[in-house]
């Protein structure tokens, strides 16, 4: 199954936002998801987070999308 905005959003439901104590989708912290030909771009709300917390949130989001894509057999050309 090809990766879509919906599959990316579903992956992000497993990522906890450190300020809201909810997943980033439920917390409304997903600002943008763009998907085209295997390229995925995600923008999350990170205001109020320390630099370390922002990096940890980014890393968790990227890992969730990569893991779910690999499990589904999808190939990502780029993810950021």
PDB file of N, CA and C in Angstrom:
ATOM      1  N   UNK A   1       0.844  -1.170   0.000  1.00  0.00           N
ATOM      2  CA  UNK A   1       0.000   0.000   0.000  1.00  0.00           C
ATOM      3  C   UNK A   1       0.895   1.241   0.000  1.00  0.00           C
ATOM      4  N   UNK A   2       0.683   2.153  -0.917  1.00  0.00           N
ATOM      5  CA  UNK A   2       1.544   3.347  -0.973  1.00  0.00           C
ATOM      6  C   UNK A   2       1.323   4.257   0.234  1.00  0.00           C
ATOM      7  N   UNK A   3       2.372   4.960   0.592  1.00  0.00           N
ATOM      8  CA  UNK A   3       2.273   5.876   1.730  1.00  0.00           C
ATOM      9  C   UNK A   3       1.420   7.087   1.323  1.00  0.00           C
ATOM     10  N   UNK A   4       0.556   7.499   2.233  1.00  0.00           N
ATOM     11  CA  UNK A   4      -0.343   8.633   2.008  1.00  0.00           C
ATOM     12  C   UNK A   4      -0.318   9.543   3.231  1.00  0.00           C
ATOM     13  N   UNK A   5      -0.967  10.682   3.110  1.00  0.00           N
ATOM     14  CA  UNK A   5      -1.084  11.576   4.275  1.00  0.00           C
ATOM     15  C   UNK A   5      -1.783  10.859   5.423  1.00  0.00           C
ATOM     16  N   UNK A   6      -2.786  10.054   5.095  1.00  0.00           N
ATOM     17  CA  UNK A   6      -3.522   9.335   6.146  1.00  0.00           C
ATOM     18  C   UNK A   6      -2.652   8.305   6.848  1.00  0.00           C
ATOM     19  N   UNK A   7      -1.813   7.573   6.094  1.00  0.00           N
ATOM     20  CA  UNK A   7      -0.952   6.582   6.746  1.00  0.00           C
ATOM     21  C   UNK A   7       0.112   7.269   7.601  1.00  0.00           C
ATOM     22  N   UNK A   8       0.588   8.435   7.151  1.00  0.00           N
ATOM     23  CA  UNK A   8       1.551   9.203   7.951  1.00  0.00           C
ATOM     24  C   UNK A   8       0.871   9.677   9.241  1.00  0.00           C
ATOM     25  N   UNK A   9      -0.335  10.212   9.118  1.00  0.00           N
ATOM     26  CA  UNK A   9      -1.078  10.683  10.301  1.00  0.00           C
ATOM     27  C   UNK A   9      -1.310   9.525  11.284  1.00  0.00           C
ATOM     28  N   UNK A  10      -1.648   8.353  10.758  1.00  0.00           N
ATOM     29  CA  UNK A  10      -1.840   7.182  11.623  1.00  0.00           C
ATOM     30  C   UNK A  10      -0.553   6.816  12.351  1.00  0.00           C
ATOM     31  N   UNK A  11       0.577   6.897  11.657  1.00  0.00           N
ATOM     32  CA  UNK A  11       1.869   6.617  12.297  1.00  0.00           C
ATOM     33  C   UNK A  11       2.136   7.608  13.420  1.00  0.00           C
ATOM     34  N   UNK A  12       1.796   8.864  13.189  1.00  0.00           N
ATOM     35  CA  UNK A  12       2.062   9.909  14.180  1.00  0.00           C
ATOM     36  C   UNK A  12       1.164   9.793  15.402  1.00  0.00           C
ATOM     37  N   UNK A  13       0.111   9.002  15.301  1.00  0.00           N
ATOM     38  CA  UNK A  13      -0.758   8.787  16.471  1.00  0.00           C
ATOM     39  C   UNK A  13      -0.032   8.001  17.575  1.00  0.00           C
ATOM     40  N   UNK A  14       1.115   7.422  17.244  1.00  0.00           N
ATOM     41  CA  UNK A  14       1.900   6.683  18.244  1.00  0.00           C
ATOM     42  C   UNK A  14       2.948   7.562  18.925  1.00  0.00           C
ATOM     43  N   UNK A  15       3.032   8.833  18.509  1.00  0.00           N
ATOM     44  CA  UNK A  15       4.060   9.741  19.039  1.00  0.00           C
ATOM     45  C   UNK A  15       3.438  10.686  20.061  1.00  0.00           C
ATOM     46  N   UNK A  16       3.960  10.640  21.266  1.00  0.00           N
ATOM     47  CA  UNK A  16       3.447  11.472  22.357  1.00  0.00           C
ATOM     48  C   UNK A  16       4.080  12.863  22.309  1.00  0.00           C
ATOM     49  N   UNK A  17       3.233  13.898  22.338  1.00  0.00           N
ATOM     50  CA  UNK A  17       3.744  15.274  22.413  1.00  0.00           C
ATOM     51  C   UNK A  17       4.062  15.562  23.878  1.00  0.00           C
ATOM     52  N   UNK A  18       5.281  16.005  24.183  1.00  0.00           N
ATOM     53  CA  UNK A  18       5.680  16.152  25.586  1.00  0.00           C
ATOM     54  C   UNK A  18       4.919  17.226  26.368  1.00  0.00           C
ATOM     55  N   UNK A  19       4.401  18.234  25.718  1.00  0.00           N
ATOM     56  CA  UNK A  19       3.649  19.266  26.439  1.00  0.00           C
ATOM     57  C   UNK A  19       2.201  18.878  26.680  1.00  0.00           C
ATOM     58  N   UNK A  20       1.591  18.258  25.685  1.00  0.00           N
ATOM     59  CA  UNK A  20       0.159  17.983  25.747  1.00  0.00           C
ATOM     60  C   UNK A  20      -0.177  16.624  26.354  1.00  0.00           C
ATOM     61  N   UNK A  21       0.829  15.751  26.471  1.00  0.00           N
ATOM     62  CA  UNK A  21       0.630  14.403  27.014  1.00  0.00           C
ATOM     63  C   UNK A  21      -0.434  13.617  26.232  1.00  0.00           C
ATOM     64  N   UNK A  22      -0.521  13.916  24.945  1.00  0.00           N
ATOM     65  CA  UNK A  22      -1.391  13.207  24.002  1.00  0.00           C
ATOM     66  C   UNK A  22      -0.563  12.934  22.765  1.00  0.00           C
ATOM     67  N   UNK A  23      -1.078  12.038  21.912  1.00  0.00           N
ATOM     68  CA  UNK A  23      -0.367  11.843  20.652  1.00  0.00           C
ATOM     69  C   UNK A  23      -0.455  13.132  19.837  1.00  0.00           C
ATOM     70  N   UNK A  24       0.491  13.332  18.926  1.00  0.00           N
ATOM     71  CA  UNK A  24       0.575  14.596  18.201  1.00  0.00           C
ATOM     72  C   UNK A  24      -0.653  14.861  17.330  1.00  0.00           C
ATOM     73  N   UNK A  25      -1.306  13.811  16.835  1.00  0.00           N
ATOM     74  CA  UNK A  25      -2.506  14.006  16.021  1.00  0.00           C
ATOM     75  C   UNK A  25      -3.661  14.505  16.889  1.00  0.00           C
ATOM     76  N   UNK A  26      -3.914  13.838  18.001  1.00  0.00           N
ATOM     77  CA  UNK A  26      -4.995  14.223  18.904  1.00  0.00           C
ATOM     78  C   UNK A  26      -4.749  15.615  19.487  1.00  0.00           C
ATOM     79  N   UNK A  27      -3.478  15.929  19.764  1.00  0.00           N
ATOM     80  CA  UNK A  27      -3.120  17.222  20.343  1.00  0.00           C
ATOM     81  C   UNK A  27      -3.222  18.363  19.336  1.00  0.00           C
ATOM     82  N   UNK A  28      -3.410  18.036  18.061  1.00  0.00           N
ATOM     83  CA  UNK A  28      -3.484  19.074  17.034  1.00  0.00           C
ATOM     84  C   UNK A  28      -2.133  19.666  16.703  1.00  0.00           C
ATOM     85  N   UNK A  29      -1.064  18.909  16.955  1.00  0.00           N
ATOM     86  CA  UNK A  29       0.293  19.407  16.756  1.00  0.00           C
ATOM     87  C   UNK A  29       0.835  19.138  15.357  1.00  0.00           C
ATOM     88  N   UNK A  30       0.058  18.498  14.498  1.00  0.00           N
ATOM     89  CA  UNK A  30       0.504  18.283  13.124  1.00  0.00           C
ATOM     90  C   UNK A  30       0.122  19.520  12.323  1.00  0.00           C
ATOM     91  N   UNK A  31       1.114  20.245  11.867  1.00  0.00           N
ATOM     92  CA  UNK A  31       0.870  21.465  11.098  1.00  0.00           C
ATOM     93  C   UNK A  31       0.775  21.171   9.604  1.00  0.00           C
ATOM     94  N   UNK A  32       1.594  20.224   9.127  1.00  0.00           N
ATOM     95  CA  UNK A  32       1.591  19.925   7.698  1.00  0.00           C
ATOM     96  C   UNK A  32       2.116  18.525   7.458  1.00  0.00           C
ATOM     97  N   UNK A  33       1.480  17.826   6.514  1.00  0.00           N
ATOM     98  CA  UNK A  33       1.996  16.565   5.993  1.00  0.00           C
ATOM     99  C   UNK A  33       1.941  16.677   4.480  1.00  0.00           C
ATOM    100  N   UNK A  34       3.068  16.465   3.835  1.00  0.00           N
ATOM    101  CA  UNK A  34       3.123  16.453   2.372  1.00  0.00           C
ATOM    102  C   UNK A  34       3.720  15.122   1.932  1.00  0.00           C
ATOM    103  N   UNK A  35       3.074  14.480   0.962  1.00  0.00           N
ATOM    104  CA  UNK A  35       3.533  13.185   0.452  1.00  0.00           C
ATOM    105  C   UNK A  35       3.467  13.228  -1.071  1.00  0.00           C
ATOM    106  N   UNK A  36       4.582  12.879  -1.727  1.00  0.00           N
ATOM    107  CA  UNK A  36       4.607  12.831  -3.189  1.00  0.00           C
ATOM    108  C   UNK A  36       5.731  11.911  -3.654  1.00  0.00           C
ATOM    109  N   UNK A  37       5.374  10.871  -4.364  1.00  0.00           N
ATOM    110  CA  UNK A  37       6.361   9.971  -4.983  1.00  0.00           C
ATOM    111  C   UNK A  37       7.418   9.458  -4.011  1.00  0.00           C
ATOM    112  N   UNK A  38       7.011   9.086  -2.811  1.00  0.00           N
ATOM    113  CA  UNK A  38       7.940   8.530  -1.838  1.00  0.00           C
ATOM    114  C   UNK A  38       8.641   9.563  -0.974  1.00  0.00           C
ATOM    115  N   UNK A  39       8.397  10.827  -1.227  1.00  0.00           N
ATOM    116  CA  UNK A  39       8.963  11.898  -0.417  1.00  0.00           C
ATOM    117  C   UNK A  39       7.911  12.320   0.601  1.00  0.00           C
ATOM    118  N   UNK A  40       8.318  12.425   1.861  1.00  0.00           N
ATOM    119  CA  UNK A  40       7.388  12.794   2.928  1.00  0.00           C
ATOM    120  C   UNK A  40       7.993  13.942   3.721  1.00  0.00           C
ATOM    121  N   UNK A  41       7.179  14.971   3.943  1.00  0.00           N
ATOM    122  CA  UNK A  41       7.587  16.110   4.760  1.00  0.00           C
ATOM    123  C   UNK A  41       6.535  16.310   5.843  1.00  0.00           C
ATOM    124  N   UNK A  42       6.997  16.465   7.070  1.00  0.00           N
ATOM    125  CA  UNK A  42       6.108  16.639   8.217  1.00  0.00           C
ATOM    126  C   UNK A  42       6.526  17.904   8.968  1.00  0.00           C
ATOM    127  N   UNK A  43       5.551  18.718   9.339  1.00  0.00           N
ATOM    128  CA  UNK A  43       5.804  19.869  10.193  1.00  0.00           C
ATOM    129  C   UNK A  43       4.942  19.718  11.439  1.00  0.00           C
ATOM    130  N   UNK A  44       5.608  19.717  12.598  1.00  0.00           N
ATOM    131  CA  UNK A  44       4.916  19.585  13.879  1.00  0.00           C
ATOM    132  C   UNK A  44       5.066  20.867  14.691  1.00  0.00           C
ATOM    133  N   UNK A  45       4.077  21.160  15.520  1.00  0.00           N
ATOM    134  CA  UNK A  45       4.165  22.289  16.440  1.00  0.00           C
ATOM    135  C   UNK A  45       5.128  21.922  17.559  1.00  0.00           C
ATOM    136  N   UNK A  46       6.132  22.750  17.752  1.00  0.00           N
ATOM    137  CA  UNK A  46       7.116  22.474  18.790  1.00  0.00           C
ATOM    138  C   UNK A  46       7.358  23.662  19.691  1.00  0.00           C
ATOM    139  N   UNK A  47       6.487  24.672  19.587  1.00  0.00           N
ATOM    140  CA  UNK A  47       6.644  25.860  20.431  1.00  0.00           C
ATOM    141  C   UNK A  47       6.562  25.493  21.901  1.00  0.00           C
ATOM    142  N   UNK A  48       7.392  26.139  22.697  1.00  0.00           N
ATOM    143  CA  UNK A  48       7.393  25.891  24.129  1.00  0.00           C
ATOM    144  C   UNK A  48       8.266  24.722  24.558  1.00  0.00           C
ATOM    145  N   UNK A  49       8.845  24.024  23.587  1.00  0.00           N
ATOM    146  CA  UNK A  49       9.714  22.885  23.906  1.00  0.00           C
ATOM    147  C   UNK A  49      11.170  23.325  23.927  1.00  0.00           C
ATOM    148  N   UNK A  50      11.949  22.689  24.761  1.00  0.00           N
ATOM    149  CA  UNK A  50      13.395  22.919  24.733  1.00  0.00           C
ATOM    150  C   UNK A  50      13.942  22.340  23.430  1.00  0.00           C
ATOM    151  N   UNK A  51      15.149  22.736  23.085  1.00  0.00           N
ATOM    152  CA  UNK A  51      15.764  22.201  21.865  1.00  0.00           C
ATOM    153  C   UNK A  51      15.856  20.679  21.917  1.00  0.00           C
ATOM    154  N   UNK A  52      16.231  20.145  23.076  1.00  0.00           N
ATOM    155  CA  UNK A  52      16.346  18.692  23.214  1.00  0.00           C
ATOM    156  C   UNK A  52      14.998  18.010  23.050  1.00  0.00           C
ATOM    157  N   UNK A  53      13.951  18.583  23.630  1.00  0.00           N
ATOM    158  CA  UNK A  53      12.613  18.001  23.518  1.00  0.00           C
ATOM    159  C   UNK A  53      12.111  18.081  22.078  1.00  0.00           C
ATOM    160  N   UNK A  54      12.415  19.184  21.392  1.00  0.00           N
ATOM    161  CA  UNK A  54      12.011  19.344  19.997  1.00  0.00           C
ATOM    162  C   UNK A  54      12.697  18.284  19.126  1.00  0.00           C
ATOM    163  N   UNK A  55      13.979  18.065  19.357  1.00  0.00           N
ATOM    164  CA  UNK A  55      14.714  17.046  18.595  1.00  0.00           C
ATOM    165  C   UNK A  55      14.188  15.645  18.895  1.00  0.00           C
ATOM    166  N   UNK A  56      13.873  15.384  20.145  1.00  0.00           N
ATOM    167  CA  UNK A  56      13.328  14.072  20.518  1.00  0.00           C
ATOM    168  C   UNK A  56      11.967  13.846  19.864  1.00  0.00           C
ATOM    169  N   UNK A  57      11.141  14.885  19.809  1.00  0.00           N
ATOM    170  CA  UNK A  57       9.837  14.783  19.156  1.00  0.00           C
ATOM    171  C   UNK A  57      10.016  14.519  17.668  1.00  0.00           C
ATOM    172  N   UNK A  58      10.919  15.243  17.035  1.00  0.00           N
ATOM    173  CA  UNK A  58      11.204  15.030  15.609  1.00  0.00           C
ATOM    174  C   UNK A  58      11.682  13.604  15.350  1.00  0.00           C
ATOM    175  N   UNK A  59      12.636  13.150  16.156  1.00  0.00           N
ATOM    176  CA  UNK A  59      13.181  11.809  15.966  1.00  0.00           C
ATOM    177  C   UNK A  59      12.114  10.728  16.157  1.00  0.00           C
ATOM    178  N   UNK A  60      11.244  10.907  17.144  1.00  0.00           N
ATOM    179  CA  UNK A  60      10.177   9.933  17.393  1.00  0.00           C
ATOM    180  C   UNK A  60       9.196   9.905  16.222  1.00  0.00           C
ATOM    181  N   UNK A  61       8.871  11.075  15.685  1.00  0.00           N
ATOM    182  CA  UNK A  61       7.940  11.149  14.555  1.00  0.00           C
ATOM    183  C   UNK A  61       8.534  10.484  13.317  1.00  0.00           C
ATOM    184  N   UNK A  62       9.787  10.780  13.023  1.00  0.00           N
ATOM    185  CA  UNK A  62      10.434  10.187  11.852  1.00  0.00           C
ATOM    186  C   UNK A  62      10.544   8.670  12.000  1.00  0.00           C
ATOM    187  N   UNK A  63      10.896   8.222  13.194  1.00  0.00           N
ATOM    188  CA  UNK A  63      11.019   6.778  13.432  1.00  0.00           C
ATOM    189  C   UNK A  63       9.675   6.080  13.264  1.00  0.00           C
ATOM    190  N   UNK A  64       8.603   6.682  13.759  1.00  0.00           N
ATOM    191  CA  UNK A  64       7.275   6.071  13.648  1.00  0.00           C
ATOM    192  C   UNK A  64       6.872   5.911  12.184  1.00  0.00           C
ATOM    193  N   UNK A  65       7.102   6.940  11.387  1.00  0.00           N
ATOM    194  CA  UNK A  65       6.740   6.880   9.966  1.00  0.00           C
ATOM    195  C   UNK A  65       7.621   5.873   9.234  1.00  0.00           C
ATOM    196  N   UNK A  66       8.931   5.896   9.511  1.00  0.00           N
ATOM    197  CA  UNK A  66       9.846   4.938   8.867  1.00  0.00           C
ATOM    198  C   UNK A  66       9.473   3.498   9.204  1.00  0.00           C
ATOM    199  N   UNK A  67       9.219   3.231  10.491  1.00  0.00           N
ATOM    200  CA  UNK A  67       8.890   1.871  10.928  1.00  0.00           C
ATOM    201  C   UNK A  67       7.606   1.370  10.278  1.00  0.00           C
ATOM    202  N   UNK A  68       6.568   2.196  10.285  1.00  0.00           N
ATOM    203  CA  UNK A  68       5.298   1.775   9.689  1.00  0.00           C
ATOM    204  C   UNK A  68       5.421   1.596   8.180  1.00  0.00           C
ATOM    205  N   UNK A  69       6.199   2.458   7.532  1.00  0.00           N
ATOM    206  CA  UNK A  69       6.399   2.332   6.089  1.00  0.00           C
ATOM    207  C   UNK A  69       7.135   1.038   5.754  1.00  0.00           C
ATOM    208  N   UNK A  70       8.156   0.729   6.524  1.00  0.00           N
ATOM    209  CA  UNK A  70       8.922  -0.501   6.296  1.00  0.00           C
ATOM    210  C   UNK A  70       8.047  -1.729   6.513  1.00  0.00           C
ATOM    211  N   UNK A  71       7.227  -1.714   7.563  1.00  0.00           N
ATOM    212  CA  UNK A  71       6.330  -2.830   7.833  1.00  0.00           C
ATOM    213  C   UNK A  71       5.325  -3.039   6.703  1.00  0.00           C
ATOM    214  N   UNK A  72       4.906  -1.949   6.083  1.00  0.00           N
ATOM    215  CA  UNK A  72       3.928  -2.025   4.992  1.00  0.00           C
ATOM    216  C   UNK A  72       4.606  -2.321   3.651  1.00  0.00           C
ATOM    217  N   UNK A  73       5.939  -2.330   3.641  1.00  0.00           N
ATOM    218  CA  UNK A  73       6.669  -2.606   2.412  1.00  0.00           C
ATOM    219  C   UNK A  73       6.815  -1.392   1.505  1.00  0.00           C
ATOM    220  N   UNK A  74       6.575  -0.217   2.053  1.00  0.00           N
ATOM    221  CA  UNK A  74       6.712   1.023   1.285  1.00  0.00           C
ATOM    222  C   UNK A  74       8.158   1.476   1.303  1.00  0.00           C
ATOM    223  N   UNK A  75       8.587   2.108   0.219  1.00  0.00           N
ATOM    224  CA  UNK A  75       9.923   2.666   0.129  1.00  0.00           C
ATOM    225  C   UNK A  75       9.836   4.175   0.209  1.00  0.00           C
ATOM    226  N   UNK A  76      10.561   4.745   1.147  1.00  0.00           N
ATOM    227  CA  UNK A  76      10.609   6.197   1.277  1.00  0.00           C
ATOM    228  C   UNK A  76      11.844   6.709   0.574  1.00  0.00           C
ATOM    229  N   UNK A  77      11.657   7.666  -0.326  1.00  0.00           N
ATOM    230  CA  UNK A  77      12.798   8.292  -0.996  1.00  0.00           C
ATOM    231  C   UNK A  77      13.474   9.293  -0.065  1.00  0.00           C
ATOM    232  N   UNK A  78      12.655  10.003   0.723  1.00  0.00           N
ATOM    233  CA  UNK A  78      13.168  10.968   1.679  1.00  0.00           C
ATOM    234  C   UNK A  78      12.092  11.249   2.705  1.00  0.00           C
ATOM    235  N   UNK A  79      12.519  11.506   3.923  1.00  0.00           N
ATOM    236  CA  UNK A  79      11.592  11.800   5.015  1.00  0.00           C
ATOM    237  C   UNK A  79      12.220  12.885   5.861  1.00  0.00           C
ATOM    238  N   UNK A  80      11.508  13.976   6.005  1.00  0.00           N
ATOM    239  CA  UNK A  80      11.988  15.065   6.875  1.00  0.00           C
ATOM    240  C   UNK A  80      10.811  15.838   7.409  1.00  0.00           C
TER     241      UNK A  80
END
